[in-house]
Amino acid sequence: SGTMFSMYVAGWYRQAPGKQRELVARITSSKQTN
């Protein structure tokens, strides 16, 4: 909320106990994924 969401890259990170936060997946405004 509070943003033009569709314009921006969005994604997910995760962090397990004792580990660094890591990128899980990302999606661009044109719906390309990594």
All heavy atoms as atom14 arrays in JSON, in Angstrom:
{
  "sequence": "SGTMFSMYVAGWYRQAPGKQRELVARITSSKQTN",
  "atom14_mask": [
    [1, 1, 1, 1, 1, 1, 0, 0, 0, 0, 0, 0, 0, 0],
    [1, 1, 1, 1, 0, 0, 0, 0, 0, 0, 0, 0, 0, 0],
    [1, 1, 1, 1, 1, 1, 1, 0, 0, 0, 0, 0, 0, 0],
    [1, 1, 1, 1, 1, 1, 1, 1, 0, 0, 0, 0, 0, 0],
    [1, 1, 1, 1, 1, 1, 1, 1, 1, 1, 1, 0, 0, 0],
    [1, 1, 1, 1, 1, 1, 0, 0, 0, 0, 0, 0, 0, 0],
    [1, 1, 1, 1, 1, 1, 1, 1, 0, 0, 0, 0, 0, 0],
    [1, 1, 1, 1, 1, 1, 1, 1, 1, 1, 1, 1, 0, 0],
    [1, 1, 1, 1, 1, 1, 1, 0, 0, 0, 0, 0, 0, 0],
    [1, 1, 1, 1, 1, 0, 0, 0, 0, 0, 0, 0, 0, 0],
    [1, 1, 1, 1, 0, 0, 0, 0, 0, 0, 0, 0, 0, 0],
    [1, 1, 1, 1, 1, 1, 1, 1, 1, 1, 1, 1, 1, 1],
    [1, 1, 1, 1, 1, 1, 1, 1, 1, 1, 1, 1, 0, 0],
    [1, 1, 1, 1, 1, 1, 1, 1, 1, 1, 1, 0, 0, 0],
    [1, 1, 1, 1, 1, 1, 1, 1, 1, 0, 0, 0, 0, 0],
    [1, 1, 1, 1, 1, 0, 0, 0, 0, 0, 0, 0, 0, 0],
    [1, 1, 1, 1, 1, 1, 1, 0, 0, 0, 0, 0, 0, 0],
    [1, 1, 1, 1, 0, 0, 0, 0, 0, 0, 0, 0, 0, 0],
    [1, 1, 1, 1, 1, 1, 1, 1, 1, 0, 0, 0, 0, 0],
    [1, 1, 1, 1, 1, 1, 1, 1, 1, 0, 0, 0, 0, 0],
    [1, 1, 1, 1, 1, 1, 1, 1, 1, 1, 1, 0, 0, 0],
    [1, 1, 1, 1, 1, 1, 1, 1, 1, 0, 0, 0, 0, 0],
    [1, 1, 1, 1, 1, 1, 1, 1, 0, 0, 0, 0, 0, 0],
    [1, 1, 1, 1, 1, 1, 1, 0, 0, 0, 0, 0, 0, 0],
    [1, 1, 1, 1, 1, 0, 0, 0, 0, 0, 0, 0, 0, 0],
    [1, 1, 1, 1, 1, 1, 1, 1, 1, 1, 1, 0, 0, 0],
    [1, 1, 1, 1, 1, 1, 1, 1, 0, 0, 0, 0, 0, 0],
    [1, 1, 1, 1, 1, 1, 1, 0, 0, 0, 0, 0, 0, 0],
    [1, 1, 1, 1, 1, 1, 0, 0, 0, 0, 0, 0, 0, 0],
    [1, 1, 1, 1, 1, 1, 0, 0, 0, 0, 0, 0, 0, 0],
    [1, 1, 1, 1, 1, 1, 1, 1, 1, 0, 0, 0, 0, 0],
    [1, 1, 1, 1, 1, 1, 1, 1, 1, 0, 0, 0, 0, 0],
    [1, 1, 1, 1, 1, 1, 1, 0, 0, 0, 0, 0, 0, 0],
    [1, 1, 1, 1, 1, 1, 1, 1, 0, 0, 0, 0, 0, 0]
  ],
  "atom14_positions": [
    [[0.84, -1.18, 0.0], [0.0, 0.0, 0.0], [0.88, 1.23, 0.0], [2.04, 1.18, 0.38], [-0.93, 0.02, 1.22], [-0.18, 0.04, 2.4], [0.0, 0.0, 0.0], [0.0, 0.0, 0.0], [0.0, 0.0, 0.0], [0.0, 0.0, 0.0], [0.0, 0.0, 0.0], [0.0, 0.0, 0.0], [0.0, 0.0, 0.0], [0.0, 0.0, 0.0]],
    [[0.32, 2.33, -0.5], [1.05, 3.59, -0.47], [2.06, 3.76, -1.58], [2.95, 4.61, -1.48], [0.0, 0.0, 0.0], [0.0, 0.0, 0.0], [0.0, 0.0, 0.0], [0.0, 0.0, 0.0], [0.0, 0.0, 0.0], [0.0, 0.0, 0.0], [0.0, 0.0, 0.0], [0.0, 0.0, 0.0], [0.0, 0.0, 0.0], [0.0, 0.0, 0.0]],
    [[1.96, 2.95, -2.64], [2.92, 3.05, -3.72], [2.31, 2.58, -5.03], [1.34, 1.82, -5.02], [4.18, 2.22, -3.42], [5.09, 2.35, -4.53], [3.84, 0.75, -3.25], [0.0, 0.0, 0.0], [0.0, 0.0, 0.0], [0.0, 0.0, 0.0], [0.0, 0.0, 0.0], [0.0, 0.0, 0.0], [0.0, 0.0, 0.0], [0.0, 0.0, 0.0]],
    [[2.93, 3.04, -6.13], [2.54, 2.54, -7.45], [3.23, 1.2, -7.65], [4.23, 1.09, -8.35], [2.96, 3.54, -8.52], [2.23, 4.86, -8.44], [0.5, 4.69, -8.87], [0.62, 4.41, -10.63], [0.0, 0.0, 0.0], [0.0, 0.0, 0.0], [0.0, 0.0, 0.0], [0.0, 0.0, 0.0], [0.0, 0.0, 0.0], [0.0, 0.0, 0.0]],
    [[2.71, 0.21, -7.02], [3.33, -1.11, -6.91], [3.78, -1.67, -8.25], [4.86, -2.26, -8.37], [2.32, -2.05, -6.25], [2.73, -3.48, -6.22], [3.64, -3.94, -5.29], [2.18, -4.39, -7.11], [4.02, -5.27, -5.25], [2.54, -5.72, -7.08], [3.46, -6.17, -6.15], [0.0, 0.0, 0.0], [0.0, 0.0, 0.0], [0.0, 0.0, 0.0]],
    [[2.96, -1.5, -9.27], [3.22, -2.15, -10.56], [4.51, -1.67, -11.23], [5.03, -2.34, -12.11], [2.04, -1.92, -11.5], [1.89, -0.53, -11.76], [0.0, 0.0, 0.0], [0.0, 0.0, 0.0], [0.0, 0.0, 0.0], [0.0, 0.0, 0.0], [0.0, 0.0, 0.0], [0.0, 0.0, 0.0], [0.0, 0.0, 0.0], [0.0, 0.0, 0.0]],
    [[5.05, -0.55, -10.8], [6.22, 0.03, -11.46], [7.54, -0.59, -11.0], [8.56, -0.38, -11.65], [6.27, 1.54, -11.17], [5.12, 2.33, -11.71], [5.17, 4.04, -11.15], [6.77, 4.57, -11.76], [0.0, 0.0, 0.0], [0.0, 0.0, 0.0], [0.0, 0.0, 0.0], [0.0, 0.0, 0.0], [0.0, 0.0, 0.0], [0.0, 0.0, 0.0]],
    [[7.51, -1.33, -9.89], [8.76, -1.68, -9.23], [9.04, -3.18, -9.16], [8.12, -3.99, -9.16], [8.74, -1.12, -7.81], [8.53, 0.37, -7.79], [7.34, 0.92, -7.33], [9.52, 1.24, -8.24], [7.14, 2.28, -7.32], [9.32, 2.61, -8.24], [8.14, 3.12, -7.78], [7.92, 4.47, -7.78], [0.0, 0.0, 0.0], [0.0, 0.0, 0.0]],
    [[10.34, -3.47, -9.04], [10.74, -4.84, -8.78], [10.28, -5.23, -7.37], [10.38, -4.44, -6.43], [12.27, -4.98, -8.87], [12.72, -6.35, -8.39], [12.74, -4.73, -10.3], [0.0, 0.0, 0.0], [0.0, 0.0, 0.0], [0.0, 0.0, 0.0], [0.0, 0.0, 0.0], [0.0, 0.0, 0.0], [0.0, 0.0, 0.0], [0.0, 0.0, 0.0]],
    [[9.78, -6.45, -7.25], [9.37, -6.97, -5.94], [9.97, -8.36, -5.77], [10.37, -9.0, -6.76], [7.85, -7.03, -5.85], [0.0, 0.0, 0.0], [0.0, 0.0, 0.0], [0.0, 0.0, 0.0], [0.0, 0.0, 0.0], [0.0, 0.0, 0.0], [0.0, 0.0, 0.0], [0.0, 0.0, 0.0], [0.0, 0.0, 0.0], [0.0, 0.0, 0.0]],
    [[10.04, -8.83, -4.55], [10.59, -10.15, -4.36], [10.56, -10.61, -2.93], [9.93, -9.98, -2.07], [0.0, 0.0, 0.0], [0.0, 0.0, 0.0], [0.0, 0.0, 0.0], [0.0, 0.0, 0.0], [0.0, 0.0, 0.0], [0.0, 0.0, 0.0], [0.0, 0.0, 0.0], [0.0, 0.0, 0.0], [0.0, 0.0, 0.0], [0.0, 0.0, 0.0]],
    [[11.26, -11.72, -2.72], [11.3, -12.35, -1.4], [12.73, -12.72, -1.03], [13.48, -13.24, -1.86], [10.46, -13.64, -1.4], [9.02, -13.42, -1.61], [8.37, -13.34, -2.81], [8.02, -13.24, -0.61], [7.02, -13.11, -2.61], [6.78, -13.07, -1.27], [8.03, -13.23, 0.78], [5.58, -12.86, -0.58], [6.85, -13.05, 1.47], [5.64, -12.86, 0.79]],
    [[13.08, -12.43, 0.21], [14.29, -12.92, 0.83], [13.87, -13.86, 1.95], [12.72, -13.87, 2.38], [15.09, -11.76, 1.45], [16.03, -11.06, 0.5], [15.54, -10.19, -0.47], [17.41, -11.22, 0.62], [16.41, -9.52, -1.32], [18.28, -10.53, -0.22], [17.76, -9.69, -1.19], [18.62, -9.02, -2.02], [0.0, 0.0, 0.0], [0.0, 0.0, 0.0]],
    [[14.84, -14.61, 2.45], [14.61, -15.4, 3.65], [15.84, -15.38, 4.53], [16.96, -15.18, 4.05], [14.21, -16.83, 3.31], [15.31, -17.66, 2.66], [14.75, -19.02, 2.25], [15.77, -19.85, 1.62], [15.52, -21.03, 1.05], [14.27, -21.52, 1.05], [16.49, -21.72, 0.51], [0.0, 0.0, 0.0], [0.0, 0.0, 0.0], [0.0, 0.0, 0.0]],
    [[15.61, -15.6, 5.82], [16.72, -15.65, 6.76], [16.47, -16.77, 7.76], [15.48, -16.73, 8.5], [16.89, -14.32, 7.48], [18.14, -14.25, 8.33], [18.48, -12.85, 8.76], [17.64, -11.96, 8.78], [19.75, -12.62, 9.1], [0.0, 0.0, 0.0], [0.0, 0.0, 0.0], [0.0, 0.0, 0.0], [0.0, 0.0, 0.0], [0.0, 0.0, 0.0]],
    [[17.37, -17.72, 7.75], [17.32, -18.83, 8.7], [18.15, -18.46, 9.93], [19.07, -17.63, 9.84], [17.83, -20.1, 8.06], [0.0, 0.0, 0.0], [0.0, 0.0, 0.0], [0.0, 0.0, 0.0], [0.0, 0.0, 0.0], [0.0, 0.0, 0.0], [0.0, 0.0, 0.0], [0.0, 0.0, 0.0], [0.0, 0.0, 0.0], [0.0, 0.0, 0.0]],
    [[17.88, -19.08, 11.07], [18.66, -18.76, 12.28], [20.15, -18.95, 12.07], [20.6, -19.98, 11.54], [18.12, -19.77, 13.3], [16.74, -20.09, 12.84], [16.81, -20.05, 11.34], [0.0, 0.0, 0.0], [0.0, 0.0, 0.0], [0.0, 0.0, 0.0], [0.0, 0.0, 0.0], [0.0, 0.0, 0.0], [0.0, 0.0, 0.0], [0.0, 0.0, 0.0]],
    [[20.92, -17.94, 12.43], [22.37, -18.02, 12.32], [22.92, -17.84, 10.92], [24.12, -18.01, 10.7], [0.0, 0.0, 0.0], [0.0, 0.0, 0.0], [0.0, 0.0, 0.0], [0.0, 0.0, 0.0], [0.0, 0.0, 0.0], [0.0, 0.0, 0.0], [0.0, 0.0, 0.0], [0.0, 0.0, 0.0], [0.0, 0.0, 0.0], [0.0, 0.0, 0.0]],
    [[22.05, -17.52, 9.96], [22.49, -17.36, 8.58], [22.16, -15.97, 8.06], [21.32, -15.28, 8.61], [21.83, -18.42, 7.68], [22.25, -19.84, 7.99], [21.71, -20.81, 6.95], [22.2, -22.22, 7.22], [21.7, -23.16, 6.19], [0.0, 0.0, 0.0], [0.0, 0.0, 0.0], [0.0, 0.0, 0.0], [0.0, 0.0, 0.0], [0.0, 0.0, 0.0]],
    [[22.84, -15.61, 6.98], [22.57, -14.32, 6.36], [21.26, -14.37, 5.58], [20.84, -15.44, 5.12], [23.72, -13.94, 5.42], [25.0, -13.55, 6.14], [26.03, -12.98, 5.18], [26.09, -13.36, 4.02], [26.83, -12.04, 5.66], [0.0, 0.0, 0.0], [0.0, 0.0, 0.0], [0.0, 0.0, 0.0], [0.0, 0.0, 0.0], [0.0, 0.0, 0.0]],
    [[20.66, -13.19, 5.43], [19.47, -13.1, 4.61], [19.85, -13.39, 3.15], [20.87, -12.87, 2.67], [18.86, -11.71, 4.74], [17.47, -11.58, 4.19], [16.86, -10.21, 4.5], [16.59, -10.04, 5.92], [15.84, -9.06, 6.41], [15.3, -8.15, 5.6], [15.63, -8.96, 7.71], [0.0, 0.0, 0.0], [0.0, 0.0, 0.0], [0.0, 0.0, 0.0]],
    [[19.06, -14.19, 2.46], [19.38, -14.54, 1.08], [18.17, -14.29, 0.18], [17.02, -14.46, 0.6], [19.8, -16.02, 0.96], [18.73, -17.02, 1.35], [19.11, -18.45, 1.04], [20.12, -18.69, 0.36], [18.36, -19.36, 1.46], [0.0, 0.0, 0.0], [0.0, 0.0, 0.0], [0.0, 0.0, 0.0], [0.0, 0.0, 0.0], [0.0, 0.0, 0.0]],
    [[18.47, -13.91, -1.06], [17.42, -13.68, -2.03], [16.83, -15.02, -2.47], [17.56, -15.93, -2.83], [17.98, -12.94, -3.25], [16.99, -12.68, -4.38], [15.87, -11.74, -3.94], [17.72, -12.1, -5.59], [0.0, 0.0, 0.0], [0.0, 0.0, 0.0], [0.0, 0.0, 0.0], [0.0, 0.0, 0.0], [0.0, 0.0, 0.0], [0.0, 0.0, 0.0]],
    [[15.51, -15.11, -2.44], [14.82, -16.32, -2.87], [14.32, -16.15, -4.31], [14.56, -17.01, -5.16], [13.63, -16.61, -1.94], [12.84, -17.81, -2.45], [14.11, -16.84, -0.52], [0.0, 0.0, 0.0], [0.0, 0.0, 0.0], [0.0, 0.0, 0.0], [0.0, 0.0, 0.0], [0.0, 0.0, 0.0], [0.0, 0.0, 0.0], [0.0, 0.0, 0.0]],
    [[13.63, -15.06, -4.58], [13.06, -14.83, -5.9], [12.72, -13.36, -6.05], [12.47, -12.67, -5.06], [11.8, -15.68, -6.1], [0.0, 0.0, 0.0], [0.0, 0.0, 0.0], [0.0, 0.0, 0.0], [0.0, 0.0, 0.0], [0.0, 0.0, 0.0], [0.0, 0.0, 0.0], [0.0, 0.0, 0.0], [0.0, 0.0, 0.0], [0.0, 0.0, 0.0]],
    [[12.73, -12.92, -7.32], [12.36, -11.54, -7.61], [11.57, -11.51, -8.91], [11.69, -12.43, -9.75], [13.6, -10.64, -7.73], [14.51, -10.99, -8.85], [15.82, -10.22, -8.78], [15.7, -8.81, -9.08], [15.74, -8.32, -10.32], [15.88, -9.11, -11.36], [15.66, -7.0, -10.49], [0.0, 0.0, 0.0], [0.0, 0.0, 0.0], [0.0, 0.0, 0.0]],
    [[10.76, -10.46, -9.07], [9.94, -10.31, -10.26], [9.93, -8.85, -10.64], [9.73, -7.97, -9.81], [8.52, -10.88, -10.03], [7.69, -10.83, -11.31], [7.8, -10.17, -8.88], [6.42, -11.68, -11.23], [0.0, 0.0, 0.0], [0.0, 0.0, 0.0], [0.0, 0.0, 0.0], [0.0, 0.0, 0.0], [0.0, 0.0, 0.0], [0.0, 0.0, 0.0]],
    [[10.16, -8.58, -11.92], [10.2, -7.2, -12.39], [8.8, -6.69, -12.73], [7.82, -7.44, -12.68], [11.09, -7.09, -13.64], [10.42, -7.75, -14.73], [12.45, -7.73, -13.41], [0.0, 0.0, 0.0], [0.0, 0.0, 0.0], [0.0, 0.0, 0.0], [0.0, 0.0, 0.0], [0.0, 0.0, 0.0], [0.0, 0.0, 0.0], [0.0, 0.0, 0.0]],
    [[8.73, -5.42, -13.09], [7.45, -4.83, -13.46], [6.87, -5.49, -14.71], [5.65, -5.54, -14.88], [7.6, -3.33, -13.68], [8.57, -3.07, -14.67], [0.0, 0.0, 0.0], [0.0, 0.0, 0.0], [0.0, 0.0, 0.0], [0.0, 0.0, 0.0], [0.0, 0.0, 0.0], [0.0, 0.0, 0.0], [0.0, 0.0, 0.0], [0.0, 0.0, 0.0]],
    [[7.75, -6.03, -15.56], [7.29, -6.74, -16.77], [7.15, -8.25, -16.52], [7.01, -9.02, -17.46], [8.26, -6.48, -17.92], [9.55, -6.93, -17.59], [0.0, 0.0, 0.0], [0.0, 0.0, 0.0], [0.0, 0.0, 0.0], [0.0, 0.0, 0.0], [0.0, 0.0, 0.0], [0.0, 0.0, 0.0], [0.0, 0.0, 0.0], [0.0, 0.0, 0.0]],
    [[7.25, -8.64, -15.24], [7.02, -10.02, -14.81], [8.13, -10.99, -15.21], [7.89, -12.2, -15.3], [5.64, -10.52, -15.22], [4.51, -9.68, -14.61], [3.14, -10.27, -14.83], [2.09, -9.38, -14.15], [0.72, -9.91, -14.33], [0.0, 0.0, 0.0], [0.0, 0.0, 0.0], [0.0, 0.0, 0.0], [0.0, 0.0, 0.0], [0.0, 0.0, 0.0]],
    [[9.32, -10.48, -15.45], [10.47, -11.37, -15.58], [10.86, -11.83, -14.18], [10.79, -11.06, -13.23], [11.63, -10.65, -16.25], [11.37, -10.33, -17.72], [12.58, -9.68, -18.38], [13.18, -8.79, -17.82], [12.91, -10.15, -19.57], [0.0, 0.0, 0.0], [0.0, 0.0, 0.0], [0.0, 0.0, 0.0], [0.0, 0.0, 0.0], [0.0, 0.0, 0.0]],
    [[11.29, -13.07, -14.08], [11.56, -13.65, -12.77], [12.98, -14.19, -12.66], [13.6, -14.57, -13.67], [10.58, -14.79, -12.46], [10.69, -15.79, -13.46], [9.15, -14.29, -12.41], [0.0, 0.0, 0.0], [0.0, 0.0, 0.0], [0.0, 0.0, 0.0], [0.0, 0.0, 0.0], [0.0, 0.0, 0.0], [0.0, 0.0, 0.0], [0.0, 0.0, 0.0]],
    [[13.49, -14.21, -11.44], [14.78, -14.82, -11.12], [14.61, -15.59, -9.82], [13.86, -15.16, -8.93], [15.87, -13.76, -10.94], [16.1, -12.94, -12.18], [15.57, -11.84, -12.3], [16.86, -13.47, -13.11], [0.0, 0.0, 0.0], [0.0, 0.0, 0.0], [0.0, 0.0, 0.0], [0.0, 0.0, 0.0], [0.0, 0.0, 0.0], [0.0, 0.0, 0.0]]
  ]
}
